[in-house]
Protein backbone atom coordinates (compact mmCIF):
# COMPACT_ATOMS: atom_id res chain seq x y z
CA MET A 1 -141.80 -52.84 -35.28
CA GLY A 2 -143.92 -54.11 -32.44
CA LEU A 3 -144.18 -54.72 -28.73
CA ASN A 4 -141.44 -56.87 -27.19
CA ILE A 5 -141.63 -58.33 -23.68
CA VAL A 6 -138.57 -59.13 -21.58
CA VAL A 7 -138.33 -60.76 -18.15
CA GLY A 8 -134.82 -60.45 -16.74
CA ILE A 9 -133.82 -57.31 -18.58
CA ILE A 10 -131.01 -56.41 -16.17
CA ALA A 11 -129.48 -59.86 -16.54
CA ASP A 12 -129.76 -59.54 -20.32
CA LEU A 13 -128.27 -56.05 -20.58
CA LEU A 14 -125.40 -56.67 -18.17
CA GLU A 15 -124.24 -59.21 -20.73
CA ASN A 16 -125.01 -57.20 -23.87
CA ASP A 17 -125.39 -53.48 -23.15
CA GLU A 18 -124.02 -52.08 -19.88
CA GLU A 19 -125.26 -48.57 -20.65
CA GLY A 20 -128.73 -49.95 -21.22
CA ALA A 21 -128.52 -51.86 -17.96
CA GLY A 22 -127.68 -48.61 -16.17
CA HIS A 23 -130.78 -46.98 -17.61
CA PHE A 24 -133.08 -49.69 -16.30
CA GLU A 25 -131.30 -49.84 -12.94
CA ALA A 26 -132.06 -46.14 -12.57
CA GLU A 27 -135.70 -46.77 -13.55
CA PHE A 28 -136.02 -49.52 -10.95
CA ALA A 29 -134.40 -47.30 -8.32
CA THR A 30 -137.04 -44.63 -8.97
CA LEU A 31 -139.76 -47.25 -8.91
CA SER A 32 -138.43 -48.65 -5.63
CA ARG A 33 -138.58 -45.24 -3.97
CA TYR A 34 -142.21 -45.06 -4.95
CA LEU A 35 -142.98 -48.61 -3.84
CA THR A 36 -141.55 -48.10 -0.39
CA SER A 37 -143.50 -44.84 -0.08
CA VAL A 38 -146.73 -46.85 -0.42
CA GLN A 39 -145.59 -49.65 1.93
CA LEU A 40 -144.62 -52.13 -0.77
CA LYS A 41 -141.26 -53.82 -1.18
CA ALA A 42 -138.50 -52.22 -3.24
CA HIS A 43 -137.89 -53.95 -6.54
CA ILE A 44 -134.35 -55.03 -7.38
CA ASP A 45 -134.24 -56.76 -10.73
CA PRO A 46 -131.94 -59.77 -10.30
CA ALA A 47 -128.78 -60.35 -12.29
CA GLY A 48 -127.84 -63.84 -13.39
CA VAL A 49 -131.36 -65.16 -13.97
CA GLU A 50 -132.56 -66.92 -17.09
CA VAL A 51 -133.85 -64.28 -19.50
CA TRP A 52 -137.28 -64.80 -21.06
CA SER A 53 -138.42 -62.68 -23.98
CA CYS A 54 -140.93 -62.73 -26.80
CA ASP A 55 -142.51 -60.61 -29.47
CA MET A 56 -146.19 -59.81 -29.19
CA TYR A 57 -148.46 -59.68 -32.23
CA GLY A 58 -147.31 -56.22 -33.28
CA TYR A 59 -148.92 -53.58 -31.09
CA SER A 60 -152.45 -54.49 -32.15
CA GLY A 61 -152.47 -57.94 -30.57
CA LEU A 62 -152.60 -56.56 -27.05
CA HIS A 63 -155.71 -54.56 -27.95
CA HIS A 64 -157.37 -57.73 -29.22
CA LEU A 65 -156.79 -59.35 -25.83
CA ARG A 66 -157.88 -56.29 -23.88
CA ARG A 67 -161.05 -55.98 -25.94
CA LEU A 68 -161.92 -59.61 -25.22
CA ALA A 69 -161.33 -59.06 -21.50
CA ALA A 70 -163.60 -56.01 -21.44
CA HIS A 71 -166.41 -57.98 -23.09
CA LEU A 72 -165.99 -60.79 -20.59
CA HIS A 73 -166.29 -58.24 -17.79
CA TYR A 74 -169.46 -56.57 -19.01
CA ASP A 75 -171.19 -59.35 -20.95
CA GLN A 76 -169.85 -62.51 -19.24
CA ARG A 77 -169.38 -64.09 -22.65
CA LEU A 78 -166.91 -64.12 -25.51
CA PRO A 79 -167.37 -61.51 -28.23
CA GLU A 80 -166.69 -62.22 -31.87
CA PRO A 81 -162.93 -62.46 -32.59
CA GLY A 82 -161.20 -59.08 -32.81
CA ASP A 83 -160.13 -57.31 -35.97
CA ILE A 84 -158.16 -54.22 -36.95
CA GLN A 85 -160.67 -52.05 -35.08
CA ALA A 86 -160.03 -53.77 -31.72
CA ALA A 87 -158.37 -50.73 -30.14
CA LYS A 88 -161.47 -48.63 -30.92
CA ASP A 89 -163.98 -51.13 -29.55
CA PRO A 90 -166.71 -49.29 -27.57
CA THR A 91 -166.73 -51.88 -24.79
CA LEU A 92 -162.97 -51.59 -24.32
CA ASN A 93 -163.27 -47.80 -24.29
CA ARG A 94 -166.05 -48.10 -21.73
CA TYR A 95 -163.80 -50.17 -19.46
CA CYS A 96 -161.08 -47.53 -19.62
CA SER A 97 -163.57 -44.71 -18.96
CA ASP A 98 -165.17 -46.52 -16.04
CA PHE A 99 -161.77 -47.22 -14.52
CA GLU A 100 -161.38 -43.69 -13.17
CA HIS A 101 -164.66 -43.89 -11.25
CA SER A 102 -164.05 -47.35 -9.83
CA ALA A 103 -160.45 -46.53 -8.85
CA ALA A 104 -161.62 -43.42 -7.03
CA ARG A 105 -163.84 -45.69 -4.91
CA ASN A 106 -161.07 -48.25 -4.43
CA VAL A 107 -163.06 -50.78 -6.45
CA PHE A 108 -160.81 -53.02 -8.52
CA ARG A 109 -162.17 -54.95 -11.47
CA PRO A 110 -161.19 -58.34 -12.87
CA PHE A 111 -158.98 -57.12 -15.72
CA ASP A 112 -157.46 -53.86 -14.49
CA HIS A 113 -153.86 -55.05 -14.65
CA LEU A 114 -154.18 -56.25 -18.23
CA ILE A 115 -156.13 -53.27 -19.58
CA ILE A 116 -154.88 -50.31 -17.52
CA HIS A 117 -151.26 -50.31 -18.60
CA SER A 118 -149.22 -48.77 -21.39
CA ASP A 119 -149.31 -50.74 -24.62
CA ALA A 120 -145.74 -49.77 -25.52
CA GLU A 121 -143.57 -49.49 -22.39
CA GLY A 122 -143.57 -50.01 -18.65
CA TYR A 123 -143.45 -52.68 -15.98
CA TYR A 124 -145.18 -55.45 -14.10
CA ILE A 125 -143.45 -56.41 -10.87
CA PRO A 126 -143.58 -59.74 -9.00
CA GLN A 127 -145.62 -58.47 -6.09
CA GLU A 128 -149.34 -58.68 -5.39
CA PHE A 129 -151.39 -55.52 -4.90
CA ASP A 130 -154.99 -54.64 -5.69
CA GLY A 131 -154.98 -51.69 -8.06
CA VAL A 132 -152.65 -50.62 -10.83
CA LEU A 133 -150.02 -48.24 -9.45
CA PHE A 134 -149.54 -44.68 -10.70
CA PRO A 135 -146.22 -43.31 -9.38
CA GLY A 136 -146.91 -39.83 -10.78
CA GLU A 137 -144.59 -36.98 -11.66
CA GLU A 138 -142.61 -37.29 -8.43
CA TYR A 139 -141.45 -40.75 -9.50
CA PRO A 140 -141.21 -40.66 -13.30
CA ILE A 141 -140.97 -44.08 -14.90
CA ALA A 142 -141.63 -45.42 -18.39
CA GLY A 143 -145.31 -45.94 -19.06
CA GLY A 144 -146.42 -44.14 -15.90
CA MET A 145 -148.29 -47.21 -14.61
CA VAL A 146 -147.13 -50.39 -12.87
CA GLY A 147 -148.97 -53.68 -12.78
CA SER A 148 -148.68 -56.81 -10.68
CA SER A 149 -147.26 -59.93 -12.35
CA LYS A 150 -149.45 -62.03 -10.04
CA ARG A 151 -152.62 -60.19 -11.00
CA LEU A 152 -151.69 -60.27 -14.70
CA ARG A 153 -151.21 -64.05 -14.51
CA ASP A 154 -154.58 -64.47 -12.80
CA GLU A 155 -156.32 -62.31 -15.40
CA CYS A 156 -154.77 -64.25 -18.27
CA HIS A 157 -155.86 -67.48 -16.59
CA LYS A 158 -159.46 -66.24 -16.57
CA ILE A 159 -159.28 -65.43 -20.26
CA ALA A 160 -157.70 -68.79 -21.08
CA THR A 161 -160.50 -70.54 -19.19
CA ALA A 162 -163.12 -68.68 -21.21
CA LEU A 163 -161.33 -69.59 -24.44
CA ASN A 164 -160.66 -73.21 -23.41
CA LEU A 165 -157.05 -72.35 -24.21
CA PRO A 166 -154.61 -74.90 -22.72
CA LEU A 167 -152.01 -72.92 -20.78
CA SER A 168 -149.64 -75.86 -21.09
CA LEU A 169 -149.37 -75.00 -24.78
CA HIS A 170 -145.97 -73.51 -25.62
CA PRO A 171 -146.30 -69.93 -26.93
CA GLU A 172 -143.97 -70.79 -29.82
CA ASP A 173 -146.01 -73.81 -30.90
CA GLU A 174 -146.73 -73.73 -34.63
CA SER A 175 -150.45 -74.11 -33.99
CA VAL A 176 -150.44 -70.81 -32.11
CA TYR A 177 -148.83 -68.97 -35.02
CA GLU A 178 -151.21 -70.59 -37.50
CA ALA A 179 -154.24 -69.61 -35.44
CA ALA A 180 -153.07 -65.99 -35.20
CA GLU A 181 -152.52 -65.84 -38.94
CA SER A 182 -156.01 -67.19 -39.61
CA GLN A 183 -157.87 -65.05 -37.05
CA GLY A 184 -161.61 -65.69 -36.95
CA THR A 185 -161.49 -69.17 -38.45
CA GLY A 186 -161.14 -72.59 -36.91
CA GLN A 187 -162.77 -73.90 -33.75
CA GLY A 188 -162.44 -73.13 -30.05
CA TRP A 189 -159.45 -71.07 -29.01
CA LYS A 190 -158.04 -71.23 -32.55
CA ARG A 191 -160.89 -68.99 -33.71
CA TYR A 192 -159.42 -66.35 -31.37
CA GLY A 193 -155.91 -66.79 -32.71
CA VAL A 194 -154.50 -63.35 -31.95
CA GLU A 195 -156.07 -63.22 -28.50
CA SER A 196 -154.73 -66.70 -27.69
CA TYR A 197 -151.28 -65.83 -29.05
CA CYS A 198 -151.05 -62.84 -26.72
CA CYS A 199 -152.66 -64.52 -23.71
CA LEU A 200 -150.14 -67.36 -23.76
CA ARG A 201 -147.21 -64.97 -23.96
CA LEU A 202 -148.35 -62.75 -21.14
CA TYR A 203 -149.20 -65.74 -18.97
CA GLN A 204 -145.74 -67.25 -19.51
CA ALA A 205 -144.07 -63.89 -18.88
CA ALA A 206 -145.97 -63.50 -15.60
CA ASN A 207 -145.03 -67.02 -14.53
CA HIS A 208 -141.35 -66.36 -15.25
CA SER A 209 -141.52 -63.05 -13.40
CA LEU A 210 -142.94 -64.71 -10.30
CA LYS A 211 -140.43 -67.56 -10.53
CA THR A 212 -137.33 -65.39 -10.90
CA GLY A 213 -138.26 -62.15 -9.13
CA ALA A 214 -137.59 -60.16 -12.32
CA ALA A 215 -139.99 -57.57 -13.70
CA ILE A 216 -141.93 -57.92 -16.92
CA VAL A 217 -140.71 -55.09 -19.12
CA PHE A 218 -142.55 -53.77 -22.18
CA VAL A 219 -140.06 -52.38 -24.72
């Protein structure tokens, strides 16, 4: 089991699981009511688009990437590569704790859309807005938080720049798998194999979301 990412989930499920498509159409309808209430555009996930999907590195891989982002924010340099304790990293926990204070002042930080989001479910939509959205109990949706595909792409680009990770590299390239399986060894971005594995996938997902108008869905 692990985190899966889909862009074009309505298009996918209309072909393979109509009941499942109905569930997500209802989710997007709830989300759209919220979006219009805060002067953003409704989101209608398109049918008939090319579906893009991938597996992340279990659930832990996302925490590796978030930990790295938090260290870049506070220290302006790369930390050591992450390990099985990445989710408990004090700097990552600090970022999450500080978020409440900065959000209350309408101060948005460089990696909010990557870090402040469910690690198991939820959405990024192809619109640009400053802060992560919290629809609340009036508009219940999976994950409870909504990010911007545009902001997620920009945040992944910053991380890739710090890693010297070529974003032209295909996420399914064998070198990416090998780097993830040998975390902490090698040179350059390959030393950060899990972080690079996840960064490439999220960057590609965000690109496809912006290209097609479909949401990024964590399932």
